Amino acid sequence: MTVTLKDFYADWCGPCKTQDPILEDLEAEYPDVEFEKIDVDAEQDVANEYQVRSLPTLVIENDDGIVERFIGVTQAEDIESALQKAGA
């Protein structure tokens, strides 16, 4: 099963910069998970498709669809729990 974490961010977003090191650590721990950084300014169509209204927004998906969605800075433990629920 494919598990993907989509990280919706913008360069001007302060909380997004806080989220980055948390995601970098998790990316090292979960090599089978596909981590995608999506700049909402450059990829507005994707942000609209996922109905992103606040930053940062994290969307965790697997082959069945969206498993979890986080808005705002999210701690590693919460993300790990969602990744495991998604099958990572």
PDB file of N, CA and C in Angstrom:
ATOM      1  N   MET A   1       0.842  -1.184   0.000  1.00  0.00           N
ATOM      2  CA  MET A   1       0.000   0.000   0.000  1.00  0.00           C
ATOM      3  C   MET A   1       0.886   1.245   0.000  1.00  0.00           C
ATOM      4  N   THR A   2       0.545   2.194  -0.848  1.00  0.00           N
ATOM      5  CA  THR A   2       1.294   3.439  -0.936  1.00  0.00           C
ATOM      6  C   THR A   2       0.752   4.434   0.082  1.00  0.00           C
ATOM      7  N   VAL A   3       1.652   4.989   0.883  1.00  0.00           N
ATOM      8  CA  VAL A   3       1.281   6.021   1.849  1.00  0.00           C
ATOM      9  C   VAL A   3       2.001   7.303   1.457  1.00  0.00           C
ATOM     10  N   THR A   4       1.247   8.393   1.383  1.00  0.00           N
ATOM     11  CA  THR A   4       1.795   9.689   0.985  1.00  0.00           C
ATOM     12  C   THR A   4       1.446  10.736   2.032  1.00  0.00           C
ATOM     13  N   LEU A   5       2.425  11.569   2.360  1.00  0.00           N
ATOM     14  CA  LEU A   5       2.182  12.733   3.210  1.00  0.00           C
ATOM     15  C   LEU A   5       2.392  13.967   2.354  1.00  0.00           C
ATOM     16  N   LYS A   6       1.332  14.732   2.170  1.00  0.00           N
ATOM     17  CA  LYS A   6       1.415  15.973   1.405  1.00  0.00           C
ATOM     18  C   LYS A   6       1.537  17.130   2.390  1.00  0.00           C
ATOM     19  N   ASP A   7       2.600  17.907   2.248  1.00  0.00           N
ATOM     20  CA  ASP A   7       2.876  19.049   3.112  1.00  0.00           C
ATOM     21  C   ASP A   7       2.600  20.317   2.313  1.00  0.00           C
ATOM     22  N   PHE A   8       1.466  20.966   2.595  1.00  0.00           N
ATOM     23  CA  PHE A   8       1.112  22.212   1.919  1.00  0.00           C
ATOM     24  C   PHE A   8       1.722  23.362   2.705  1.00  0.00           C
ATOM     25  N   TYR A   9       2.533  24.178   2.036  1.00  0.00           N
ATOM     26  CA  TYR A   9       3.289  25.231   2.703  1.00  0.00           C
ATOM     27  C   TYR A   9       3.421  26.440   1.775  1.00  0.00           C
ATOM     28  N   ALA A  10       3.984  27.513   2.333  1.00  0.00           N
ATOM     29  CA  ALA A  10       4.376  28.683   1.545  1.00  0.00           C
ATOM     30  C   ALA A  10       5.668  29.221   2.159  1.00  0.00           C
ATOM     31  N   ASP A  11       6.508  29.813   1.326  1.00  0.00           N
ATOM     32  CA  ASP A  11       7.785  30.347   1.802  1.00  0.00           C
ATOM     33  C   ASP A  11       7.602  31.427   2.862  1.00  0.00           C
ATOM     34  N   TRP A  12       6.502  32.183   2.791  1.00  0.00           N
ATOM     35  CA  TRP A  12       6.259  33.284   3.723  1.00  0.00           C
ATOM     36  C   TRP A  12       5.603  32.829   5.029  1.00  0.00           C
ATOM     37  N   CYS A  13       5.320  31.548   5.164  1.00  0.00           N
ATOM     38  CA  CYS A  13       4.587  31.000   6.318  1.00  0.00           C
ATOM     39  C   CYS A  13       5.545  30.630   7.452  1.00  0.00           C
ATOM     40  N   GLY A  14       5.503  31.396   8.536  1.00  0.00           N
ATOM     41  CA  GLY A  14       6.354  31.118   9.693  1.00  0.00           C
ATOM     42  C   GLY A  14       6.118  29.750  10.319  1.00  0.00           C
ATOM     43  N   PRO A  15       4.858  29.384  10.607  1.00  0.00           N
ATOM     44  CA  PRO A  15       4.601  28.057  11.185  1.00  0.00           C
ATOM     45  C   PRO A  15       5.084  26.907  10.285  1.00  0.00           C
ATOM     46  N   CYS A  16       5.100  27.131   8.968  1.00  0.00           N
ATOM     47  CA  CYS A  16       5.590  26.097   8.053  1.00  0.00           C
ATOM     48  C   CYS A  16       7.071  25.815   8.315  1.00  0.00           C
ATOM     49  N   LYS A  17       7.812  26.851   8.635  1.00  0.00           N
ATOM     50  CA  LYS A  17       9.246  26.688   8.936  1.00  0.00           C
ATOM     51  C   LYS A  17       9.435  25.902  10.232  1.00  0.00           C
ATOM     52  N   THR A  18       8.491  26.035  11.163  1.00  0.00           N
ATOM     53  CA  THR A  18       8.522  25.251  12.399  1.00  0.00           C
ATOM     54  C   THR A  18       8.216  23.793  12.109  1.00  0.00           C
ATOM     55  N   GLN A  19       7.326  23.544  11.155  1.00  0.00           N
ATOM     56  CA  GLN A  19       6.919  22.180  10.807  1.00  0.00           C
ATOM     57  C   GLN A  19       8.023  21.419  10.076  1.00  0.00           C
ATOM     58  N   ASP A  20       8.849  22.120   9.290  1.00  0.00           N
ATOM     59  CA  ASP A  20       9.854  21.477   8.434  1.00  0.00           C
ATOM     60  C   ASP A  20      10.762  20.478   9.154  1.00  0.00           C
ATOM     61  N   PRO A  21      11.426  20.852  10.275  1.00  0.00           N
ATOM     62  CA  PRO A  21      12.331  19.879  10.897  1.00  0.00           C
ATOM     63  C   PRO A  21      11.617  18.640  11.424  1.00  0.00           C
ATOM     64  N   ILE A  22      10.374  18.794  11.837  1.00  0.00           N
ATOM     65  CA  ILE A  22       9.592  17.639  12.306  1.00  0.00           C
ATOM     66  C   ILE A  22       9.387  16.669  11.144  1.00  0.00           C
ATOM     67  N   LEU A  23       9.025  17.204   9.985  1.00  0.00           N
ATOM     68  CA  LEU A  23       8.798  16.357   8.806  1.00  0.00           C
ATOM     69  C   LEU A  23      10.095  15.746   8.301  1.00  0.00           C
ATOM     70  N   GLU A  24      11.187  16.496   8.368  1.00  0.00           N
ATOM     71  CA  GLU A  24      12.479  15.953   7.923  1.00  0.00           C
ATOM     72  C   GLU A  24      12.879  14.755   8.771  1.00  0.00           C
ATOM     73  N   ASP A  25      12.667  14.836  10.087  1.00  0.00           N
ATOM     74  CA  ASP A  25      12.973  13.703  10.966  1.00  0.00           C
ATOM     75  C   ASP A  25      12.098  12.495  10.631  1.00  0.00           C
ATOM     76  N   LEU A  26      10.814  12.740  10.399  1.00  0.00           N
ATOM     77  CA  LEU A  26       9.899  11.640  10.079  1.00  0.00           C
ATOM     78  C   LEU A  26      10.221  11.015   8.734  1.00  0.00           C
ATOM     79  N   GLU A  27      10.654  11.834   7.795  1.00  0.00           N
ATOM     80  CA  GLU A  27      11.005  11.315   6.473  1.00  0.00           C
ATOM     81  C   GLU A  27      12.158  10.324   6.577  1.00  0.00           C
ATOM     82  N   ALA A  28      13.090  10.591   7.486  1.00  0.00           N
ATOM     83  CA  ALA A  28      14.209   9.671   7.707  1.00  0.00           C
ATOM     84  C   ALA A  28      13.737   8.375   8.380  1.00  0.00           C
ATOM     85  N   GLU A  29      12.732   8.485   9.248  1.00  0.00           N
ATOM     86  CA  GLU A  29      12.217   7.320   9.977  1.00  0.00           C
ATOM     87  C   GLU A  29      11.293   6.449   9.133  1.00  0.00           C
ATOM     88  N   TYR A  30      10.650   7.049   8.136  1.00  0.00           N
ATOM     89  CA  TYR A  30       9.661   6.339   7.322  1.00  0.00           C
ATOM     90  C   TYR A  30      10.062   6.392   5.849  1.00  0.00           C
ATOM     91  N   PRO A  31      11.081   5.628   5.464  1.00  0.00           N
ATOM     92  CA  PRO A  31      11.560   5.690   4.079  1.00  0.00           C
ATOM     93  C   PRO A  31      10.546   5.187   3.047  1.00  0.00           C
ATOM     94  N   ASP A  32       9.561   4.408   3.473  1.00  0.00           N
ATOM     95  CA  ASP A  32       8.570   3.886   2.530  1.00  0.00           C
ATOM     96  C   ASP A  32       7.428   4.865   2.276  1.00  0.00           C
ATOM     97  N   VAL A  33       7.363   5.929   3.071  1.00  0.00           N
ATOM     98  CA  VAL A  33       6.319   6.939   2.885  1.00  0.00           C
ATOM     99  C   VAL A  33       6.824   7.989   1.907  1.00  0.00           C
ATOM    100  N   GLU A  34       5.958   8.377   0.971  1.00  0.00           N
ATOM    101  CA  GLU A  34       6.309   9.419   0.006  1.00  0.00           C
ATOM    102  C   GLU A  34       5.935  10.775   0.608  1.00  0.00           C
ATOM    103  N   PHE A  35       6.939  11.607   0.840  1.00  0.00           N
ATOM    104  CA  PHE A  35       6.722  12.948   1.379  1.00  0.00           C
ATOM    105  C   PHE A  35       6.732  13.936   0.223  1.00  0.00           C
ATOM    106  N   GLU A  36       5.654  14.706   0.082  1.00  0.00           N
ATOM    107  CA  GLU A  36       5.555  15.689  -0.997  1.00  0.00           C
ATOM    108  C   GLU A  36       5.395  17.069  -0.390  1.00  0.00           C
ATOM    109  N   LYS A  37       6.256  18.003  -0.778  1.00  0.00           N
ATOM    110  CA  LYS A  37       6.111  19.398  -0.379  1.00  0.00           C
ATOM    111  C   LYS A  37       5.396  20.130  -1.510  1.00  0.00           C
ATOM    112  N   ILE A  38       4.293  20.773  -1.175  1.00  0.00           N
ATOM    113  CA  ILE A  38       3.489  21.458  -2.185  1.00  0.00           C
ATOM    114  C   ILE A  38       3.401  22.938  -1.811  1.00  0.00           C
ATOM    115  N   ASP A  39       4.044  23.764  -2.611  1.00  0.00           N
ATOM    116  CA  ASP A  39       4.026  25.213  -2.417  1.00  0.00           C
ATOM    117  C   ASP A  39       2.679  25.735  -2.923  1.00  0.00           C
ATOM    118  N   VAL A  40       1.849  26.236  -2.009  1.00  0.00           N
ATOM    119  CA  VAL A  40       0.493  26.633  -2.395  1.00  0.00           C
ATOM    120  C   VAL A  40       0.487  27.825  -3.339  1.00  0.00           C
ATOM    121  N   ASP A  41       1.530  28.651  -3.308  1.00  0.00           N
ATOM    122  CA  ASP A  41       1.593  29.784  -4.233  1.00  0.00           C
ATOM    123  C   ASP A  41       1.887  29.314  -5.655  1.00  0.00           C
ATOM    124  N   ALA A  42       2.736  28.300  -5.777  1.00  0.00           N
ATOM    125  CA  ALA A  42       3.110  27.792  -7.101  1.00  0.00           C
ATOM    126  C   ALA A  42       2.102  26.776  -7.634  1.00  0.00           C
ATOM    127  N   GLU A  43       1.427  26.081  -6.730  1.00  0.00           N
ATOM    128  CA  GLU A  43       0.511  25.003  -7.142  1.00  0.00           C
ATOM    129  C   GLU A  43      -0.879  25.226  -6.548  1.00  0.00           C
ATOM    130  N   GLN A  44      -1.476  26.340  -6.896  1.00  0.00           N
ATOM    131  CA  GLN A  44      -2.784  26.693  -6.347  1.00  0.00           C
ATOM    132  C   GLN A  44      -3.868  25.693  -6.731  1.00  0.00           C
ATOM    133  N   ASP A  45      -3.748  25.087  -7.901  1.00  0.00           N
ATOM    134  CA  ASP A  45      -4.756  24.111  -8.325  1.00  0.00           C
ATOM    135  C   ASP A  45      -4.782  22.901  -7.396  1.00  0.00           C
ATOM    136  N   VAL A  46      -3.606  22.432  -6.985  1.00  0.00           N
ATOM    137  CA  VAL A  46      -3.534  21.283  -6.071  1.00  0.00           C
ATOM    138  C   VAL A  46      -4.062  21.687  -4.700  1.00  0.00           C
ATOM    139  N   ALA A  47      -3.679  22.879  -4.232  1.00  0.00           N
ATOM    140  CA  ALA A  47      -4.172  23.372  -2.942  1.00  0.00           C
ATOM    141  C   ALA A  47      -5.693  23.478  -2.954  1.00  0.00           C
ATOM    142  N   ASN A  48      -6.250  23.951  -4.058  1.00  0.00           N
ATOM    143  CA  ASN A  48      -7.706  24.048  -4.165  1.00  0.00           C
ATOM    144  C   ASN A  48      -8.362  22.674  -4.186  1.00  0.00           C
ATOM    145  N   GLU A  49      -7.741  21.747  -4.891  1.00  0.00           N
ATOM    146  CA  GLU A  49      -8.279  20.383  -4.957  1.00  0.00           C
ATOM    147  C   GLU A  49      -8.384  19.775  -3.555  1.00  0.00           C
ATOM    148  N   TYR A  50      -7.397  20.058  -2.714  1.00  0.00           N
ATOM    149  CA  TYR A  50      -7.378  19.521  -1.345  1.00  0.00           C
ATOM    150  C   TYR A  50      -8.031  20.479  -0.344  1.00  0.00           C
ATOM    151  N   GLN A  51      -8.627  21.553  -0.843  1.00  0.00           N
ATOM    152  CA  GLN A  51      -9.340  22.528  -0.014  1.00  0.00           C
ATOM    153  C   GLN A  51      -8.469  23.065   1.123  1.00  0.00           C
ATOM    154  N   VAL A  52      -7.245  23.431   0.787  1.00  0.00           N
ATOM    155  CA  VAL A  52      -6.320  23.983   1.769  1.00  0.00           C
ATOM    156  C   VAL A  52      -6.681  25.442   1.990  1.00  0.00           C
ATOM    157  N   ARG A  53      -6.974  25.785   3.240  1.00  0.00           N
ATOM    158  CA  ARG A  53      -7.356  27.155   3.592  1.00  0.00           C
ATOM    159  C   ARG A  53      -6.392  27.775   4.600  1.00  0.00           C
ATOM    160  N   SER A  54      -5.635  26.951   5.323  1.00  0.00           N
ATOM    161  CA  SER A  54      -4.683  27.412   6.333  1.00  0.00           C
ATOM    162  C   SER A  54      -3.379  26.668   6.157  1.00  0.00           C
ATOM    163  N   LEU A  55      -2.300  27.295   6.629  1.00  0.00           N
ATOM    164  CA  LEU A  55      -0.974  26.685   6.518  1.00  0.00           C
ATOM    165  C   LEU A  55      -0.320  26.581   7.885  1.00  0.00           C
ATOM    166  N   PRO A  56       0.509  25.570   8.083  1.00  0.00           N
ATOM    167  CA  PRO A  56       0.678  24.420   7.199  1.00  0.00           C
ATOM    168  C   PRO A  56      -0.525  23.477   7.287  1.00  0.00           C
ATOM    169  N   THR A  57      -0.764  22.772   6.209  1.00  0.00           N
ATOM    170  CA  THR A  57      -1.752  21.696   6.181  1.00  0.00           C
ATOM    171  C   THR A  57      -1.032  20.431   5.742  1.00  0.00           C
ATOM    172  N   LEU A  58      -1.241  19.357   6.489  1.00  0.00           N
ATOM    173  CA  LEU A  58      -0.681  18.054   6.145  1.00  0.00           C
ATOM    174  C   LEU A  58      -1.836  17.125   5.803  1.00  0.00           C
ATOM    175  N   VAL A  59      -1.697  16.399   4.701  1.00  0.00           N
ATOM    176  CA  VAL A  59      -2.707  15.418   4.292  1.00  0.00           C
ATOM    177  C   VAL A  59      -1.995  14.078   4.135  1.00  0.00           C
ATOM    178  N   ILE A  60      -2.479  13.087   4.867  1.00  0.00           N
ATOM    179  CA  ILE A  60      -1.915  11.740   4.789  1.00  0.00           C
ATOM    180  C   ILE A  60      -2.912  10.869   4.045  1.00  0.00           C
ATOM    181  N   GLU A  61      -2.430  10.244   2.973  1.00  0.00           N
ATOM    182  CA  GLU A  61      -3.280   9.416   2.111  1.00  0.00           C
ATOM    183  C   GLU A  61      -2.681   8.024   1.962  1.00  0.00           C
ATOM    184  N   ASN A  62      -3.555   7.083   1.653  1.00  0.00           N
ATOM    185  CA  ASN A  62      -3.103   5.777   1.181  1.00  0.00           C
ATOM    186  C   ASN A  62      -3.944   5.435  -0.048  1.00  0.00           C
ATOM    187  N   ASP A  63      -3.875   4.207  -0.489  1.00  0.00           N
ATOM    188  CA  ASP A  63      -4.581   3.814  -1.711  1.00  0.00           C
ATOM    189  C   ASP A  63      -6.097   3.977  -1.596  1.00  0.00           C
ATOM    190  N   ASP A  64      -6.602   4.008  -0.358  1.00  0.00           N
ATOM    191  CA  ASP A  64      -8.046   4.141  -0.139  1.00  0.00           C
ATOM    192  C   ASP A  64      -8.510   5.590  -0.082  1.00  0.00           C
ATOM    193  N   GLY A  65      -7.571   6.539  -0.024  1.00  0.00           N
ATOM    194  CA  GLY A  65      -7.937   7.951   0.049  1.00  0.00           C
ATOM    195  C   GLY A  65      -7.298   8.639   1.240  1.00  0.00           C
ATOM    196  N   ILE A  66      -7.877   9.763   1.637  1.00  0.00           N
ATOM    197  CA  ILE A  66      -7.326  10.546   2.747  1.00  0.00           C
ATOM    198  C   ILE A  66      -7.603   9.837   4.067  1.00  0.00           C
ATOM    199  N   VAL A  67      -6.541   9.650   4.843  1.00  0.00           N
ATOM    200  CA  VAL A  67      -6.642   8.989   6.142  1.00  0.00           C
ATOM    201  C   VAL A  67      -6.729  10.032   7.254  1.00  0.00           C
ATOM    202  N   GLU A  68      -5.932  11.086   7.132  1.00  0.00           N
ATOM    203  CA  GLU A  68      -5.878  12.106   8.184  1.00  0.00           C
ATOM    204  C   GLU A  68      -5.481  13.437   7.580  1.00  0.00           C
ATOM    205  N   ARG A  69      -5.947  14.501   8.214  1.00  0.00           N
ATOM    206  CA  ARG A  69      -5.638  15.863   7.776  1.00  0.00           C
ATOM    207  C   ARG A  69      -5.310  16.670   9.022  1.00  0.00           C
ATOM    208  N   PHE A  70      -4.191  17.379   8.987  1.00  0.00           N
ATOM    209  CA  PHE A  70      -3.778  18.220  10.106  1.00  0.00           C
ATOM    210  C   PHE A  70      -3.646  19.653   9.614  1.00  0.00           C
ATOM    211  N   ILE A  71      -4.129  20.592  10.419  1.00  0.00           N
ATOM    212  CA  ILE A  71      -4.001  22.011  10.098  1.00  0.00           C
ATOM    213  C   ILE A  71      -3.233  22.670  11.232  1.00  0.00           C
ATOM    214  N   GLY A  72      -2.194  23.418  10.863  1.00  0.00           N
ATOM    215  CA  GLY A  72      -1.326  24.039  11.866  1.00  0.00           C
ATOM    216  C   GLY A  72      -0.142  23.140  12.155  1.00  0.00           C
ATOM    217  N   VAL A  73       0.781  23.649  12.970  1.00  0.00           N
ATOM    218  CA  VAL A  73       1.969  22.865  13.311  1.00  0.00           C
ATOM    219  C   VAL A  73       1.530  21.626  14.076  1.00  0.00           C
ATOM    220  N   THR A  74       1.981  20.467  13.606  1.00  0.00           N
ATOM    221  CA  THR A  74       1.564  19.183  14.175  1.00  0.00           C
ATOM    222  C   THR A  74       2.784  18.458  14.707  1.00  0.00           C
ATOM    223  N   GLN A  75       2.657  17.912  15.910  1.00  0.00           N
ATOM    224  CA  GLN A  75       3.772  17.220  16.550  1.00  0.00           C
ATOM    225  C   GLN A  75       4.013  15.850  15.907  1.00  0.00           C
ATOM    226  N   ALA A  76       5.242  15.389  16.025  1.00  0.00           N
ATOM    227  CA  ALA A  76       5.668  14.129  15.397  1.00  0.00           C
ATOM    228  C   ALA A  76       4.803  12.952  15.832  1.00  0.00           C
ATOM    229  N   GLU A  77       4.431  12.900  17.110  1.00  0.00           N
ATOM    230  CA  GLU A  77       3.666  11.756  17.619  1.00  0.00           C
ATOM    231  C   GLU A  77       2.323  11.636  16.905  1.00  0.00           C
ATOM    232  N   ASP A  78       1.674  12.776  16.665  1.00  0.00           N
ATOM    233  CA  ASP A  78       0.368  12.752  15.990  1.00  0.00           C
ATOM    234  C   ASP A  78       0.513  12.311  14.538  1.00  0.00           C
ATOM    235  N   ILE A  79       1.565  12.790  13.882  1.00  0.00           N
ATOM    236  CA  ILE A  79       1.804  12.415  12.489  1.00  0.00           C
ATOM    237  C   ILE A  79       2.133  10.928  12.397  1.00  0.00           C
ATOM    238  N   GLU A  80       2.987  10.449  13.322  1.00  0.00           N
ATOM    239  CA  GLU A  80       3.346   9.023  13.321  1.00  0.00           C
ATOM    240  C   GLU A  80       2.122   8.144  13.503  1.00  0.00           C
ATOM    241  N   SER A  81       1.244   8.535  14.402  1.00  0.00           N
ATOM    242  CA  SER A  81       0.028   7.767  14.635  1.00  0.00           C
ATOM    243  C   SER A  81      -0.814   7.666  13.355  1.00  0.00           C
ATOM    244  N   ALA A  82      -0.930   8.784  12.645  1.00  0.00           N
ATOM    245  CA  ALA A  82      -1.697   8.793  11.395  1.00  0.00           C
ATOM    246  C   ALA A  82      -1.005   7.983  10.308  1.00  0.00           C
ATOM    247  N   LEU A  83       0.321   8.059  10.252  1.00  0.00           N
ATOM    248  CA  LEU A  83       1.068   7.267   9.256  1.00  0.00           C
ATOM    249  C   LEU A  83       0.856   5.781   9.504  1.00  0.00           C
ATOM    250  N   GLN A  84       0.880   5.376  10.750  1.00  0.00           N
ATOM    251  CA  GLN A  84       0.668   3.963  11.085  1.00  0.00           C
ATOM    252  C   GLN A  84      -0.755   3.545  10.750  1.00  0.00           C
ATOM    253  N   LYS A  85      -1.710   4.424  11.021  1.00  0.00           N
ATOM    254  CA  LYS A  85      -3.114   4.136  10.677  1.00  0.00           C
ATOM    255  C   LYS A  85      -3.284   3.969   9.173  1.00  0.00           C
ATOM    256  N   ALA A  86      -2.461   4.732   8.413  1.00  0.00           N
ATOM    257  CA  ALA A  86      -2.529   4.667   6.953  1.00  0.00           C
ATOM    258  C   ALA A  86      -1.844   3.431   6.376  1.00  0.00           C
ATOM    259  N   GLY A  87      -1.057   2.741   7.232  1.00  0.00           N
ATOM    260  CA  GLY A  87      -0.396   1.520   6.764  1.00  0.00           C
ATOM    261  C   GLY A  87       1.084   1.646   6.555  1.00  0.00           C
ATOM    262  N   ALA A  88       1.689   2.712   7.077  1.00  0.00           N
ATOM    263  CA  ALA A  88       3.145   2.901   6.913  1.00  0.00           C
ATOM    264  C   ALA A  88       3.904   2.001   7.862  1.00  0.00           C
TER     265      ALA A  88
END
